[in-house]
Amino acid sequence: MLNWTDEGVVFNLNSVSWATSDGWAPCVVQRNGNFYFYYTANKKIGVAVGSSPTGPFTDIGAPWQPVMVLTPLIRWYLLIRTGRPICTGVILL
């Protein structure tokens, strides 16, 4: 990256009730008009939501609980329980 702008802090663990340290590996993804800030902290996966890729982001309030599943089609999925009785799946290569 030759040209970039420092946008400052876009997310801070101080605003997360379940995590206090080891925040790292962030990634921002856009979907359905929102920006999702995925990160790890306290050996768990977190997600925060914002309306801009530079924040501010609001944590969803609880860490995700991932589970790996291999389907009969030989596809790996990362299933994440979002606090409801349903899971969200992500295809992994």
N, C-alpha and C. Protein backbone atom coordinates (compact mmCIF):
# COMPACT_ATOMS: atom_id res chain seq x y z
N MET A 1 0.85 -1.17 0.00
CA MET A 1 0.00 0.00 0.00
C MET A 1 0.89 1.23 0.00
N LEU A 2 0.80 1.96 -1.06
CA LEU A 2 1.61 3.17 -1.17
C LEU A 2 0.92 4.39 -0.57
N ASN A 3 -0.39 4.46 -0.77
CA ASN A 3 -1.15 5.62 -0.27
C ASN A 3 -2.25 5.14 0.66
N TRP A 4 -2.24 5.62 1.89
CA TRP A 4 -3.28 5.27 2.82
C TRP A 4 -3.46 6.39 3.83
N THR A 5 -4.58 6.34 4.54
CA THR A 5 -4.89 7.36 5.53
C THR A 5 -5.10 6.70 6.88
N ASP A 6 -4.44 7.20 7.90
CA ASP A 6 -4.64 6.70 9.25
C ASP A 6 -5.97 7.24 9.76
N GLU A 7 -6.93 6.37 9.99
CA GLU A 7 -8.26 6.78 10.46
C GLU A 7 -8.35 6.76 11.99
N GLY A 8 -7.24 6.46 12.64
CA GLY A 8 -7.25 6.40 14.10
C GLY A 8 -7.86 5.11 14.60
N VAL A 9 -8.26 5.07 15.84
CA VAL A 9 -8.86 3.88 16.44
C VAL A 9 -10.31 3.77 15.98
N VAL A 10 -10.64 2.64 15.34
CA VAL A 10 -12.02 2.44 14.87
C VAL A 10 -12.81 1.52 15.79
N PHE A 11 -12.09 0.80 16.68
CA PHE A 11 -12.75 -0.09 17.63
C PHE A 11 -11.81 -0.29 18.81
N ASN A 12 -12.37 -0.31 20.02
CA ASN A 12 -11.56 -0.43 21.21
C ASN A 12 -12.17 -1.50 22.13
N LEU A 13 -11.34 -2.38 22.67
CA LEU A 13 -11.84 -3.42 23.57
C LEU A 13 -12.47 -2.85 24.84
N ASN A 14 -12.22 -1.59 25.16
CA ASN A 14 -12.85 -0.98 26.33
C ASN A 14 -14.37 -0.98 26.23
N SER A 15 -14.90 -1.07 25.01
CA SER A 15 -16.35 -1.06 24.82
C SER A 15 -16.95 -2.47 24.77
N VAL A 16 -16.12 -3.49 25.03
CA VAL A 16 -16.58 -4.88 24.95
C VAL A 16 -16.72 -5.44 26.37
N SER A 17 -17.91 -5.92 26.71
CA SER A 17 -18.17 -6.40 28.08
C SER A 17 -17.51 -7.75 28.37
N TRP A 18 -17.29 -8.58 27.37
CA TRP A 18 -16.80 -9.94 27.60
C TRP A 18 -15.29 -10.10 27.36
N ALA A 19 -14.62 -9.09 26.87
CA ALA A 19 -13.20 -9.21 26.55
C ALA A 19 -12.40 -8.06 27.19
N THR A 20 -11.20 -8.40 27.64
CA THR A 20 -10.36 -7.37 28.26
C THR A 20 -8.96 -7.30 27.66
N SER A 21 -8.55 -8.33 26.90
CA SER A 21 -7.18 -8.33 26.38
C SER A 21 -7.05 -9.18 25.12
N ASP A 22 -5.86 -9.13 24.56
CA ASP A 22 -5.48 -9.95 23.41
C ASP A 22 -6.32 -9.70 22.16
N GLY A 23 -6.71 -8.48 21.93
CA GLY A 23 -7.44 -8.15 20.72
C GLY A 23 -6.50 -8.15 19.51
N TRP A 24 -6.84 -8.94 18.49
CA TRP A 24 -5.99 -8.99 17.30
C TRP A 24 -6.75 -9.59 16.13
N ALA A 25 -6.09 -9.63 14.97
CA ALA A 25 -6.59 -10.23 13.73
C ALA A 25 -7.92 -9.65 13.27
N PRO A 26 -8.05 -8.33 13.19
CA PRO A 26 -9.32 -7.75 12.75
C PRO A 26 -9.53 -7.89 11.24
N CYS A 27 -10.79 -7.89 10.86
CA CYS A 27 -11.18 -7.95 9.45
C CYS A 27 -12.54 -7.26 9.34
N VAL A 28 -12.70 -6.40 8.33
CA VAL A 28 -13.97 -5.71 8.12
C VAL A 28 -14.59 -6.21 6.82
N VAL A 29 -15.89 -6.56 6.89
CA VAL A 29 -16.63 -7.06 5.74
C VAL A 29 -17.92 -6.27 5.60
N GLN A 30 -18.28 -5.93 4.36
CA GLN A 30 -19.54 -5.21 4.12
C GLN A 30 -20.61 -6.20 3.69
N ARG A 31 -21.81 -6.06 4.28
CA ARG A 31 -22.94 -6.91 3.88
C ARG A 31 -24.24 -6.21 4.25
N ASN A 32 -25.13 -6.14 3.28
CA ASN A 32 -26.48 -5.59 3.48
C ASN A 32 -26.47 -4.19 4.09
N GLY A 33 -25.56 -3.36 3.64
CA GLY A 33 -25.52 -1.98 4.09
C GLY A 33 -24.80 -1.74 5.41
N ASN A 34 -24.32 -2.80 6.06
CA ASN A 34 -23.56 -2.67 7.30
C ASN A 34 -22.13 -3.13 7.11
N PHE A 35 -21.27 -2.73 8.02
CA PHE A 35 -19.89 -3.19 8.04
C PHE A 35 -19.70 -3.99 9.31
N TYR A 36 -19.13 -5.19 9.16
CA TYR A 36 -18.93 -6.10 10.27
C TYR A 36 -17.44 -6.20 10.58
N PHE A 37 -17.07 -5.89 11.80
CA PHE A 37 -15.69 -5.89 12.28
C PHE A 37 -15.49 -7.18 13.07
N TYR A 38 -14.83 -8.16 12.45
CA TYR A 38 -14.54 -9.43 13.11
C TYR A 38 -13.18 -9.34 13.77
N TYR A 39 -13.05 -9.92 14.95
CA TYR A 39 -11.78 -9.85 15.68
C TYR A 39 -11.72 -11.00 16.68
N THR A 40 -10.55 -11.21 17.25
CA THR A 40 -10.42 -12.16 18.33
C THR A 40 -9.98 -11.41 19.58
N ALA A 41 -10.40 -11.92 20.73
CA ALA A 41 -10.01 -11.36 22.03
C ALA A 41 -10.30 -12.42 23.08
N ASN A 42 -9.46 -12.50 24.08
CA ASN A 42 -9.64 -13.48 25.16
C ASN A 42 -9.87 -14.90 24.61
N LYS A 43 -9.20 -15.22 23.49
CA LYS A 43 -9.28 -16.55 22.85
C LYS A 43 -10.69 -16.87 22.36
N LYS A 44 -11.43 -15.85 21.97
CA LYS A 44 -12.78 -16.00 21.43
C LYS A 44 -12.93 -15.14 20.19
N ILE A 45 -14.00 -15.37 19.42
CA ILE A 45 -14.27 -14.59 18.21
C ILE A 45 -15.35 -13.58 18.52
N GLY A 46 -15.10 -12.32 18.16
CA GLY A 46 -16.08 -11.27 18.38
C GLY A 46 -16.47 -10.62 17.07
N VAL A 47 -17.59 -9.94 17.09
CA VAL A 47 -18.03 -9.17 15.93
C VAL A 47 -18.71 -7.90 16.42
N ALA A 48 -18.41 -6.82 15.72
CA ALA A 48 -19.03 -5.53 16.01
C ALA A 48 -19.60 -5.00 14.70
N VAL A 49 -20.62 -4.18 14.77
CA VAL A 49 -21.33 -3.68 13.58
C VAL A 49 -21.24 -2.17 13.52
N GLY A 50 -21.06 -1.64 12.30
CA GLY A 50 -21.03 -0.20 12.09
C GLY A 50 -21.59 0.16 10.73
N SER A 51 -21.78 1.43 10.50
CA SER A 51 -22.32 1.90 9.21
C SER A 51 -21.23 2.39 8.27
N SER A 52 -19.97 2.32 8.71
CA SER A 52 -18.84 2.79 7.91
C SER A 52 -17.65 1.85 8.16
N PRO A 53 -16.78 1.66 7.17
CA PRO A 53 -15.60 0.81 7.39
C PRO A 53 -14.61 1.39 8.39
N THR A 54 -14.76 2.67 8.70
CA THR A 54 -13.88 3.30 9.69
C THR A 54 -14.55 3.48 11.04
N GLY A 55 -15.70 2.83 11.24
CA GLY A 55 -16.40 2.90 12.51
C GLY A 55 -17.27 4.12 12.63
N PRO A 56 -17.79 4.35 13.80
CA PRO A 56 -17.58 3.54 15.00
C PRO A 56 -18.33 2.21 14.90
N PHE A 57 -17.80 1.19 15.59
CA PHE A 57 -18.40 -0.14 15.62
C PHE A 57 -18.94 -0.42 17.01
N THR A 58 -20.06 -1.14 17.06
CA THR A 58 -20.67 -1.55 18.32
C THR A 58 -20.64 -3.07 18.41
N ASP A 59 -20.04 -3.59 19.47
CA ASP A 59 -19.96 -5.03 19.66
C ASP A 59 -21.36 -5.61 19.84
N ILE A 60 -21.58 -6.85 19.35
CA ILE A 60 -22.91 -7.46 19.46
C ILE A 60 -23.23 -7.93 20.87
N GLY A 61 -22.23 -7.91 21.78
CA GLY A 61 -22.50 -8.17 23.18
C GLY A 61 -22.09 -9.52 23.71
N ALA A 62 -21.71 -10.46 22.84
CA ALA A 62 -21.29 -11.78 23.30
C ALA A 62 -20.35 -12.39 22.26
N PRO A 63 -19.41 -13.21 22.71
CA PRO A 63 -18.52 -13.85 21.74
C PRO A 63 -19.24 -14.95 20.98
N TRP A 64 -18.72 -15.26 19.79
CA TRP A 64 -19.24 -16.36 19.00
C TRP A 64 -18.61 -17.65 19.46
N GLN A 65 -19.32 -18.75 19.28
CA GLN A 65 -18.82 -20.07 19.63
C GLN A 65 -18.69 -20.89 18.35
N PRO A 66 -17.49 -20.96 17.79
CA PRO A 66 -17.33 -21.66 16.50
C PRO A 66 -17.25 -23.18 16.64
N VAL A 67 -17.73 -23.87 15.60
CA VAL A 67 -17.64 -25.33 15.49
C VAL A 67 -17.31 -25.66 14.04
N MET A 68 -16.37 -26.56 13.82
CA MET A 68 -16.01 -26.98 12.46
C MET A 68 -16.84 -28.20 12.08
N VAL A 69 -17.36 -28.22 10.83
CA VAL A 69 -18.17 -29.33 10.33
C VAL A 69 -17.70 -29.68 8.93
N LEU A 70 -17.55 -30.98 8.65
CA LEU A 70 -17.22 -31.47 7.31
C LEU A 70 -18.47 -32.12 6.75
N THR A 71 -18.95 -31.63 5.59
CA THR A 71 -20.17 -32.16 5.00
C THR A 71 -19.86 -33.34 4.07
N PRO A 72 -20.87 -34.10 3.67
CA PRO A 72 -20.65 -35.21 2.72
C PRO A 72 -20.08 -34.75 1.38
N LEU A 73 -20.25 -33.48 1.04
CA LEU A 73 -19.71 -32.94 -0.21
C LEU A 73 -18.25 -32.53 -0.06
N ILE A 74 -17.64 -32.90 1.05
CA ILE A 74 -16.23 -32.58 1.36
C ILE A 74 -16.02 -31.07 1.38
N ARG A 75 -16.90 -30.39 2.05
CA ARG A 75 -16.75 -28.95 2.26
C ARG A 75 -16.68 -28.71 3.76
N TRP A 76 -15.76 -27.86 4.16
CA TRP A 76 -15.64 -27.47 5.56
C TRP A 76 -16.48 -26.23 5.81
N TYR A 77 -17.21 -26.23 6.89
CA TYR A 77 -17.99 -25.07 7.31
C TYR A 77 -17.55 -24.66 8.70
N LEU A 78 -17.50 -23.37 8.93
CA LEU A 78 -17.31 -22.84 10.27
C LEU A 78 -18.68 -22.38 10.73
N LEU A 79 -19.27 -23.09 11.67
CA LEU A 79 -20.60 -22.74 12.19
C LEU A 79 -20.43 -21.91 13.45
N ILE A 80 -21.17 -20.84 13.52
CA ILE A 80 -21.03 -19.91 14.63
C ILE A 80 -22.39 -19.69 15.25
N ARG A 81 -22.54 -20.05 16.51
CA ARG A 81 -23.79 -19.82 17.22
C ARG A 81 -23.83 -18.35 17.61
N THR A 82 -24.89 -17.68 17.22
CA THR A 82 -24.98 -16.25 17.43
C THR A 82 -25.82 -15.88 18.65
N GLY A 83 -26.05 -16.82 19.55
CA GLY A 83 -26.85 -16.53 20.74
C GLY A 83 -28.30 -16.93 20.58
N ARG A 84 -28.71 -17.21 19.38
CA ARG A 84 -30.05 -17.72 19.12
C ARG A 84 -29.92 -19.22 18.88
N PRO A 85 -31.02 -19.95 18.74
CA PRO A 85 -30.90 -21.38 18.53
C PRO A 85 -30.44 -21.76 17.13
N ILE A 86 -30.08 -20.80 16.31
CA ILE A 86 -29.64 -21.11 14.95
C ILE A 86 -28.16 -20.79 14.81
N CYS A 87 -27.55 -21.36 13.77
CA CYS A 87 -26.12 -21.12 13.50
C CYS A 87 -25.98 -20.48 12.14
N THR A 88 -24.92 -19.71 11.98
CA THR A 88 -24.55 -19.13 10.71
C THR A 88 -23.38 -19.93 10.17
N GLY A 89 -23.40 -20.29 8.89
CA GLY A 89 -22.32 -21.08 8.33
C GLY A 89 -21.44 -20.29 7.38
N VAL A 90 -20.18 -20.59 7.39
CA VAL A 90 -19.20 -19.98 6.50
C VAL A 90 -18.44 -21.10 5.83
N ILE A 91 -18.43 -21.13 4.48
CA ILE A 91 -17.70 -22.18 3.77
C ILE A 91 -16.22 -21.87 3.85
N LEU A 92 -15.44 -22.86 4.23
CA LEU A 92 -13.99 -22.74 4.28
C LEU A 92 -13.39 -23.60 3.18
N LEU A 93 -12.34 -23.13 2.56
CA LEU A 93 -11.69 -23.92 1.51
C LEU A 93 -10.79 -24.97 2.09
